[in-house]
PDB file of N, CA and C in Angstrom:
ATOM      1  N   UNK A   1      -4.659  -7.043  -1.445  1.00  0.00           N
ATOM      2  CA  UNK A   1      -4.923  -7.582  -0.127  1.00  0.00           C
ATOM      3  C   UNK A   1      -6.417  -7.943  -0.069  1.00  0.00           C
ATOM      4  N   UNK A   2      -6.682  -9.158   0.314  1.00  0.00           N
ATOM      5  CA  UNK A   2      -8.077  -9.595   0.391  1.00  0.00           C
ATOM      6  C   UNK A   2      -8.674  -9.245   1.751  1.00  0.00           C
ATOM      7  N   UNK A   3     -10.002  -9.335   1.829  1.00  0.00           N
ATOM      8  CA  UNK A   3     -10.668  -9.080   3.109  1.00  0.00           C
ATOM      9  C   UNK A   3     -10.216 -10.101   4.151  1.00  0.00           C
ATOM     10  N   UNK A   4      -9.999 -11.351   3.736  1.00  0.00           N
ATOM     11  CA  UNK A   4      -9.499 -12.369   4.663  1.00  0.00           C
ATOM     12  C   UNK A   4      -8.124 -11.998   5.209  1.00  0.00           C
ATOM     13  N   UNK A   5      -7.253 -11.466   4.337  1.00  0.00           N
ATOM     14  CA  UNK A   5      -5.928 -11.015   4.783  1.00  0.00           C
ATOM     15  C   UNK A   5      -6.061  -9.908   5.828  1.00  0.00           C
ATOM     16  N   UNK A   6      -6.967  -8.972   5.559  1.00  0.00           N
ATOM     17  CA  UNK A   6      -7.178  -7.852   6.482  1.00  0.00           C
ATOM     18  C   UNK A   6      -7.667  -8.363   7.832  1.00  0.00           C
ATOM     19  N   UNK A   7      -8.598  -9.299   7.811  1.00  0.00           N
ATOM     20  CA  UNK A   7      -9.126  -9.854   9.062  1.00  0.00           C
ATOM     21  C   UNK A   7      -8.035 -10.603   9.817  1.00  0.00           C
ATOM     22  N   UNK A   8      -7.204 -11.353   9.090  1.00  0.00           N
ATOM     23  CA  UNK A   8      -6.095 -12.070   9.749  1.00  0.00           C
ATOM     24  C   UNK A   8      -5.120 -11.089  10.410  1.00  0.00           C
ATOM     25  N   UNK A   9      -4.839  -9.977   9.733  1.00  0.00           N
ATOM     26  CA  UNK A   9      -3.952  -8.976  10.327  1.00  0.00           C
ATOM     27  C   UNK A   9      -4.608  -8.319  11.539  1.00  0.00           C
ATOM     28  N   UNK A  10      -5.901  -8.074  11.457  1.00  0.00           N
ATOM     29  CA  UNK A  10      -6.623  -7.509  12.608  1.00  0.00           C
ATOM     30  C   UNK A  10      -6.564  -8.482  13.777  1.00  0.00           C
ATOM     31  N   UNK A  11      -6.724  -9.782  13.486  1.00  0.00           N
ATOM     32  CA  UNK A  11      -6.608 -10.804  14.535  1.00  0.00           C
ATOM     33  C   UNK A  11      -5.220 -10.773  15.159  1.00  0.00           C
ATOM     34  N   UNK A  12      -4.196 -10.719  14.306  1.00  0.00           N
ATOM     35  CA  UNK A  12      -2.807 -10.743  14.791  1.00  0.00           C
ATOM     36  C   UNK A  12      -2.481  -9.526  15.654  1.00  0.00           C
ATOM     37  N   UNK A  13      -3.113  -8.389  15.341  1.00  0.00           N
ATOM     38  CA  UNK A  13      -2.842  -7.169  16.095  1.00  0.00           C
ATOM     39  C   UNK A  13      -3.707  -7.037  17.348  1.00  0.00           C
ATOM     40  N   UNK A  14      -4.722  -7.898  17.458  1.00  0.00           N
ATOM     41  CA  UNK A  14      -5.647  -7.796  18.583  1.00  0.00           C
ATOM     42  C   UNK A  14      -6.811  -6.874  18.302  1.00  0.00           C
ATOM     43  N   UNK A  15      -6.803  -6.229  17.147  1.00  0.00           N
ATOM     44  CA  UNK A  15      -7.854  -5.278  16.801  1.00  0.00           C
ATOM     45  C   UNK A  15      -9.202  -5.948  16.601  1.00  0.00           C
ATOM     46  N   UNK A  16      -9.219  -7.167  16.116  1.00  0.00           N
ATOM     47  CA  UNK A  16     -10.500  -7.818  15.828  1.00  0.00           C
ATOM     48  C   UNK A  16     -11.320  -8.053  17.093  1.00  0.00           C
ATOM     49  N   UNK A  17     -10.667  -8.012  18.249  1.00  0.00           N
ATOM     50  CA  UNK A  17     -11.373  -8.134  19.527  1.00  0.00           C
ATOM     51  C   UNK A  17     -12.492  -7.106  19.613  1.00  0.00           C
ATOM     52  N   UNK A  18     -12.233  -5.912  19.062  1.00  0.00           N
ATOM     53  CA  UNK A  18     -13.215  -4.825  19.143  1.00  0.00           C
ATOM     54  C   UNK A  18     -14.374  -5.014  18.178  1.00  0.00           C
ATOM     55  N   UNK A  19     -14.242  -5.924  17.221  1.00  0.00           N
ATOM     56  CA  UNK A  19     -15.298  -6.130  16.248  1.00  0.00           C
ATOM     57  C   UNK A  19     -16.063  -7.417  16.447  1.00  0.00           C
ATOM     58  N   UNK A  20     -16.036  -7.962  17.645  1.00  0.00           N
ATOM     59  CA  UNK A  20     -16.672  -9.248  17.892  1.00  0.00           C
ATOM     60  C   UNK A  20     -18.153  -9.134  18.265  1.00  0.00           C
ATOM     61  N   UNK A  21     -18.655  -7.944  18.428  1.00  0.00           N
ATOM     62  CA  UNK A  21     -20.042  -7.762  18.866  1.00  0.00           C
ATOM     63  C   UNK A  21     -21.045  -7.925  17.742  1.00  0.00           C
ATOM     64  N   UNK A  22     -22.214  -7.404  17.970  1.00  0.00           N
ATOM     65  CA  UNK A  22     -23.318  -7.561  17.032  1.00  0.00           C
ATOM     66  C   UNK A  22     -23.098  -6.801  15.728  1.00  0.00           C
ATOM     67  N   UNK A  23     -22.244  -5.809  15.731  1.00  0.00           N
ATOM     68  CA  UNK A  23     -21.983  -5.014  14.533  1.00  0.00           C
ATOM     69  C   UNK A  23     -20.748  -5.508  13.778  1.00  0.00           C
ATOM     70  N   UNK A  24     -20.559  -6.808  13.731  1.00  0.00           N
ATOM     71  CA  UNK A  24     -19.375  -7.406  13.083  1.00  0.00           C
ATOM     72  C   UNK A  24     -19.254  -6.967  11.623  1.00  0.00           C
ATOM     73  N   UNK A  25     -20.352  -6.976  10.885  1.00  0.00           N
ATOM     74  CA  UNK A  25     -20.321  -6.581   9.471  1.00  0.00           C
ATOM     75  C   UNK A  25     -19.878  -5.121   9.321  1.00  0.00           C
ATOM     76  N   UNK A  26     -20.389  -4.269  10.179  1.00  0.00           N
ATOM     77  CA  UNK A  26     -20.013  -2.850  10.163  1.00  0.00           C
ATOM     78  C   UNK A  26     -18.520  -2.704  10.480  1.00  0.00           C
ATOM     79  N   UNK A  27     -18.051  -3.450  11.468  1.00  0.00           N
ATOM     80  CA  UNK A  27     -16.638  -3.426  11.843  1.00  0.00           C
ATOM     81  C   UNK A  27     -15.770  -3.835  10.649  1.00  0.00           C
ATOM     82  N   UNK A  28     -16.152  -4.917   9.976  1.00  0.00           N
ATOM     83  CA  UNK A  28     -15.368  -5.397   8.839  1.00  0.00           C
ATOM     84  C   UNK A  28     -15.386  -4.371   7.707  1.00  0.00           C
ATOM     85  N   UNK A  29     -16.519  -3.729   7.489  1.00  0.00           N
ATOM     86  CA  UNK A  29     -16.617  -2.690   6.465  1.00  0.00           C
ATOM     87  C   UNK A  29     -15.612  -1.561   6.751  1.00  0.00           C
ATOM     88  N   UNK A  30     -15.604  -1.061   7.970  1.00  0.00           N
ATOM     89  CA  UNK A  30     -14.699   0.037   8.314  1.00  0.00           C
ATOM     90  C   UNK A  30     -13.246  -0.429   8.386  1.00  0.00           C
ATOM     91  N   UNK A  31     -13.028  -1.648   8.794  1.00  0.00           N
ATOM     92  CA  UNK A  31     -11.674  -2.202   8.804  1.00  0.00           C
ATOM     93  C   UNK A  31     -11.133  -2.289   7.382  1.00  0.00           C
ATOM     94  N   UNK A  32     -11.957  -2.734   6.449  1.00  0.00           N
ATOM     95  CA  UNK A  32     -11.570  -2.819   5.050  1.00  0.00           C
ATOM     96  C   UNK A  32     -11.270  -1.424   4.491  1.00  0.00           C
ATOM     97  N   UNK A  33     -12.108  -0.459   4.820  1.00  0.00           N
ATOM     98  CA  UNK A  33     -11.890   0.921   4.367  1.00  0.00           C
ATOM     99  C   UNK A  33     -10.579   1.474   4.922  1.00  0.00           C
ATOM    100  N   UNK A  34     -10.303   1.194   6.193  1.00  0.00           N
ATOM    101  CA  UNK A  34      -9.058   1.645   6.810  1.00  0.00           C
ATOM    102  C   UNK A  34      -7.864   1.000   6.118  1.00  0.00           C
ATOM    103  N   UNK A  35      -7.933  -0.300   5.876  1.00  0.00           N
ATOM    104  CA  UNK A  35      -6.830  -1.006   5.216  1.00  0.00           C
ATOM    105  C   UNK A  35      -6.579  -0.439   3.821  1.00  0.00           C
ATOM    106  N   UNK A  36      -7.626  -0.067   3.117  1.00  0.00           N
ATOM    107  CA  UNK A  36      -7.473   0.524   1.789  1.00  0.00           C
ATOM    108  C   UNK A  36      -6.736   1.857   1.866  1.00  0.00           C
ATOM    109  N   UNK A  37      -7.073   2.658   2.850  1.00  0.00           N
ATOM    110  CA  UNK A  37      -6.389   3.947   3.030  1.00  0.00           C
ATOM    111  C   UNK A  37      -4.916   3.752   3.380  1.00  0.00           C
ATOM    112  N   UNK A  38      -4.634   2.793   4.251  1.00  0.00           N
ATOM    113  CA  UNK A  38      -3.248   2.518   4.629  1.00  0.00           C
ATOM    114  C   UNK A  38      -2.464   2.039   3.412  1.00  0.00           C
ATOM    115  N   UNK A  39      -3.056   1.140   2.632  1.00  0.00           N
ATOM    116  CA  UNK A  39      -2.388   0.626   1.434  1.00  0.00           C
ATOM    117  C   UNK A  39      -2.098   1.747   0.442  1.00  0.00           C
ATOM    118  N   UNK A  40      -3.069   2.617   0.243  1.00  0.00           N
ATOM    119  CA  UNK A  40      -2.889   3.741  -0.688  1.00  0.00           C
ATOM    120  C   UNK A  40      -1.756   4.649  -0.217  1.00  0.00           C
ATOM    121  N   UNK A  41      -1.739   4.949   1.060  1.00  0.00           N
ATOM    122  CA  UNK A  41      -0.694   5.802   1.618  1.00  0.00           C
ATOM    123  C   UNK A  41       0.685   5.144   1.430  1.00  0.00           C
ATOM    124  N   UNK A  42       0.778   3.848   1.676  1.00  0.00           N
ATOM    125  CA  UNK A  42       2.057   3.144   1.546  1.00  0.00           C
ATOM    126  C   UNK A  42       2.514   3.108   0.091  1.00  0.00           C
ATOM    127  N   UNK A  43       1.585   2.869  -0.841  1.00  0.00           N
ATOM    128  CA  UNK A  43       1.946   2.895  -2.269  1.00  0.00           C
ATOM    129  C   UNK A  43       2.485   4.260  -2.659  1.00  0.00           C
ATOM    130  N   UNK A  44       1.808   5.323  -2.205  1.00  0.00           N
ATOM    131  CA  UNK A  44       2.257   6.678  -2.530  1.00  0.00           C
ATOM    132  C   UNK A  44       3.638   6.958  -1.955  1.00  0.00           C
ATOM    133  N   UNK A  45       3.916   6.483  -0.754  1.00  0.00           N
ATOM    134  CA  UNK A  45       5.234   6.661  -0.148  1.00  0.00           C
ATOM    135  C   UNK A  45       6.299   5.912  -0.954  1.00  0.00           C
ATOM    136  N   UNK A  46       5.973   4.712  -1.403  1.00  0.00           N
ATOM    137  CA  UNK A  46       6.914   3.939  -2.226  1.00  0.00           C
ATOM    138  C   UNK A  46       7.162   4.633  -3.557  1.00  0.00           C
ATOM    139  N   UNK A  47       6.095   5.122  -4.187  1.00  0.00           N
ATOM    140  CA  UNK A  47       6.239   5.844  -5.450  1.00  0.00           C
ATOM    141  C   UNK A  47       7.162   7.038  -5.285  1.00  0.00           C
ATOM    142  N   UNK A  48       6.960   7.797  -4.222  1.00  0.00           N
ATOM    143  CA  UNK A  48       7.791   8.974  -3.971  1.00  0.00           C
ATOM    144  C   UNK A  48       9.250   8.579  -3.776  1.00  0.00           C
ATOM    145  N   UNK A  49       9.493   7.524  -3.019  1.00  0.00           N
ATOM    146  CA  UNK A  49      10.872   7.069  -2.793  1.00  0.00           C
ATOM    147  C   UNK A  49      11.536   6.673  -4.103  1.00  0.00           C
ATOM    148  N   UNK A  50      10.813   5.941  -4.944  1.00  0.00           N
ATOM    149  CA  UNK A  50      11.378   5.506  -6.219  1.00  0.00           C
ATOM    150  C   UNK A  50      11.595   6.709  -7.139  1.00  0.00           C
ATOM    151  N   UNK A  51      10.650   7.632  -7.162  1.00  0.00           N
ATOM    152  CA  UNK A  51      10.807   8.824  -7.990  1.00  0.00           C
ATOM    153  C   UNK A  51      11.994   9.666  -7.523  1.00  0.00           C
ATOM    154  N   UNK A  52      12.220   9.738  -6.216  1.00  0.00           N
ATOM    155  CA  UNK A  52      13.390  10.452  -5.695  1.00  0.00           C
ATOM    156  C   UNK A  52      14.680   9.798  -6.179  1.00  0.00           C
ATOM    157  N   UNK A  53      14.701   8.479  -6.193  1.00  0.00           N
ATOM    158  CA  UNK A  53      15.872   7.755  -6.689  1.00  0.00           C
ATOM    159  C   UNK A  53      16.060   8.048  -8.181  1.00  0.00           C
ATOM    160  N   UNK A  54      14.960   8.031  -8.924  1.00  0.00           N
ATOM    161  CA  UNK A  54      15.044   8.315 -10.360  1.00  0.00           C
ATOM    162  C   UNK A  54      15.627   9.707 -10.598  1.00  0.00           C
ATOM    163  N   UNK A  55      15.146  10.691  -9.827  1.00  0.00           N
ATOM    164  CA  UNK A  55      15.651  12.064  -9.958  1.00  0.00           C
ATOM    165  C   UNK A  55      17.141  12.129  -9.655  1.00  0.00           C
ATOM    166  N   UNK A  56      17.569  11.425  -8.627  1.00  0.00           N
ATOM    167  CA  UNK A  56      18.991  11.419  -8.242  1.00  0.00           C
ATOM    168  C   UNK A  56      19.846  10.898  -9.402  1.00  0.00           C
ATOM    169  N   UNK A  57      19.436   9.780  -9.991  1.00  0.00           N
ATOM    170  CA  UNK A  57      20.216   9.214 -11.089  1.00  0.00           C
ATOM    171  C   UNK A  57      20.100  10.046 -12.356  1.00  0.00           C
ATOM    172  N   UNK A  58      18.952  10.690 -12.546  1.00  0.00           N
ATOM    173  CA  UNK A  58      18.788  11.550 -13.703  1.00  0.00           C
ATOM    174  C   UNK A  58      19.758  12.725 -13.615  1.00  0.00           C
ATOM    175  N   UNK A  59      19.919  13.282 -12.417  1.00  0.00           N
ATOM    176  CA  UNK A  59      20.840  14.398 -12.221  1.00  0.00           C
ATOM    177  C   UNK A  59      22.278  13.968 -12.453  1.00  0.00           C
ATOM    178  N   UNK A  60      22.553  12.687 -12.213  1.00  0.00           N
ATOM    179  CA  UNK A  60      23.906  12.161 -12.425  1.00  0.00           C
ATOM    180  C   UNK A  60      24.072  11.582 -13.837  1.00  0.00           C
ATOM    181  N   UNK A  61      23.033  11.719 -14.654  1.00  0.00           N
ATOM    182  CA  UNK A  61      23.046  11.275 -16.050  1.00  0.00           C
ATOM    183  C   UNK A  61      23.284   9.777 -16.195  1.00  0.00           C
ATOM    184  N   UNK A  62      22.541   8.987 -15.423  1.00  0.00           N
ATOM    185  CA  UNK A  62      22.537   7.538 -15.537  1.00  0.00           C
ATOM    186  C   UNK A  62      21.185   7.124 -16.122  1.00  0.00           C
ATOM    187  N   UNK A  63      21.046   7.167 -17.450  1.00  0.00           N
ATOM    188  CA  UNK A  63      19.719   6.921 -18.032  1.00  0.00           C
ATOM    189  C   UNK A  63      19.157   5.533 -17.759  1.00  0.00           C
ATOM    190  N   UNK A  64      19.984   4.528 -17.688  1.00  0.00           N
ATOM    191  CA  UNK A  64      19.432   3.184 -17.459  1.00  0.00           C
ATOM    192  C   UNK A  64      18.873   3.074 -16.042  1.00  0.00           C
ATOM    193  N   UNK A  65      19.524   3.680 -15.078  1.00  0.00           N
ATOM    194  CA  UNK A  65      19.030   3.659 -13.700  1.00  0.00           C
ATOM    195  C   UNK A  65      17.708   4.412 -13.601  1.00  0.00           C
ATOM    196  N   UNK A  66      17.586   5.500 -14.342  1.00  0.00           N
ATOM    197  CA  UNK A  66      16.340   6.267 -14.338  1.00  0.00           C
ATOM    198  C   UNK A  66      15.201   5.420 -14.905  1.00  0.00           C
ATOM    199  N   UNK A  67      15.477   4.693 -15.966  1.00  0.00           N
ATOM    200  CA  UNK A  67      14.467   3.838 -16.583  1.00  0.00           C
ATOM    201  C   UNK A  67      14.015   2.761 -15.610  1.00  0.00           C
ATOM    202  N   UNK A  68      14.949   2.165 -14.909  1.00  0.00           N
ATOM    203  CA  UNK A  68      14.614   1.133 -13.931  1.00  0.00           C
ATOM    204  C   UNK A  68      13.760   1.718 -12.817  1.00  0.00           C
ATOM    205  N   UNK A  69      14.135   2.881 -12.306  1.00  0.00           N
ATOM    206  CA  UNK A  69      13.362   3.519 -11.237  1.00  0.00           C
ATOM    207  C   UNK A  69      11.965   3.877 -11.724  1.00  0.00           C
ATOM    208  N   UNK A  70      11.853   4.372 -12.953  1.00  0.00           N
ATOM    209  CA  UNK A  70      10.532   4.695 -13.511  1.00  0.00           C
ATOM    210  C   UNK A  70       9.675   3.444 -13.641  1.00  0.00           C
ATOM    211  N   UNK A  71      10.273   2.339 -14.061  1.00  0.00           N
ATOM    212  CA  UNK A  71       9.535   1.090 -14.167  1.00  0.00           C
ATOM    213  C   UNK A  71       9.084   0.595 -12.792  1.00  0.00           C
ATOM    214  N   UNK A  72       9.923   0.778 -11.778  1.00  0.00           N
ATOM    215  CA  UNK A  72       9.543   0.404 -10.412  1.00  0.00           C
ATOM    216  C   UNK A  72       8.357   1.238  -9.939  1.00  0.00           C
ATOM    217  N   UNK A  73       8.410   2.533 -10.166  1.00  0.00           N
ATOM    218  CA  UNK A  73       7.304   3.412  -9.762  1.00  0.00           C
ATOM    219  C   UNK A  73       6.018   3.009 -10.477  1.00  0.00           C
ATOM    220  N   UNK A  74       6.114   2.680 -11.766  1.00  0.00           N
ATOM    221  CA  UNK A  74       4.929   2.254 -12.514  1.00  0.00           C
ATOM    222  C   UNK A  74       4.369   0.948 -11.972  1.00  0.00           C
ATOM    223  N   UNK A  75       5.246   0.037 -11.583  1.00  0.00           N
ATOM    224  CA  UNK A  75       4.792  -1.238 -11.015  1.00  0.00           C
ATOM    225  C   UNK A  75       4.073  -1.031  -9.681  1.00  0.00           C
ATOM    226  N   UNK A  76       4.575  -0.114  -8.870  1.00  0.00           N
ATOM    227  CA  UNK A  76       3.930   0.197  -7.593  1.00  0.00           C
ATOM    228  C   UNK A  76       2.556   0.815  -7.851  1.00  0.00           C
ATOM    229  N   UNK A  77       2.472   1.732  -8.807  1.00  0.00           N
ATOM    230  CA  UNK A  77       1.188   2.343  -9.132  1.00  0.00           C
ATOM    231  C   UNK A  77       0.185   1.304  -9.629  1.00  0.00           C
ATOM    232  N   UNK A  78       0.667   0.373 -10.426  1.00  0.00           N
ATOM    233  CA  UNK A  78      -0.202  -0.664 -10.993  1.00  0.00           C
ATOM    234  C   UNK A  78      -0.815  -1.539  -9.898  1.00  0.00           C
ATOM    235  N   UNK A  79      -0.105  -1.722  -8.797  1.00  0.00           N
ATOM    236  CA  UNK A  79      -0.646  -2.527  -7.694  1.00  0.00           C
ATOM    237  C   UNK A  79      -1.891  -1.880  -7.101  1.00  0.00           C
ATOM    238  N   UNK A  80      -2.012  -0.578  -7.229  1.00  0.00           N
ATOM    239  CA  UNK A  80      -3.187   0.110  -6.726  1.00  0.00           C
ATOM    240  C   UNK A  80      -4.418  -0.124  -7.589  1.00  0.00           C
ATOM    241  N   UNK A  81      -4.227  -0.688  -8.763  1.00  0.00           N
ATOM    242  CA  UNK A  81      -5.339  -0.924  -9.691  1.00  0.00           C
ATOM    243  C   UNK A  81      -5.844  -2.355  -9.639  1.00  0.00           C
ATOM    244  N   UNK A  82      -5.320  -3.148  -8.719  1.00  0.00           N
ATOM    245  CA  UNK A  82      -5.757  -4.550  -8.649  1.00  0.00           C
ATOM    246  C   UNK A  82      -6.725  -4.753  -7.513  1.00  0.00           C
TER     247      UNK A  82
END
């Protein structure tokens, strides 16, 4: 997610109204930091959901489904490195 994307979402939510004053740069800095935390939390939630699915299929001895779920979890983790 780029800083422009974050600002567009803040605009869409009405949040950017609060950052229109003289401290615009400070507002954008903290908005970016907040967006990073939200993104990290969402990635972790997705990873957990996929890992839960992998565990379910592993218990049912479906190795191909487990491999797919593991690959999905790895792809979600990789998004955090971009």
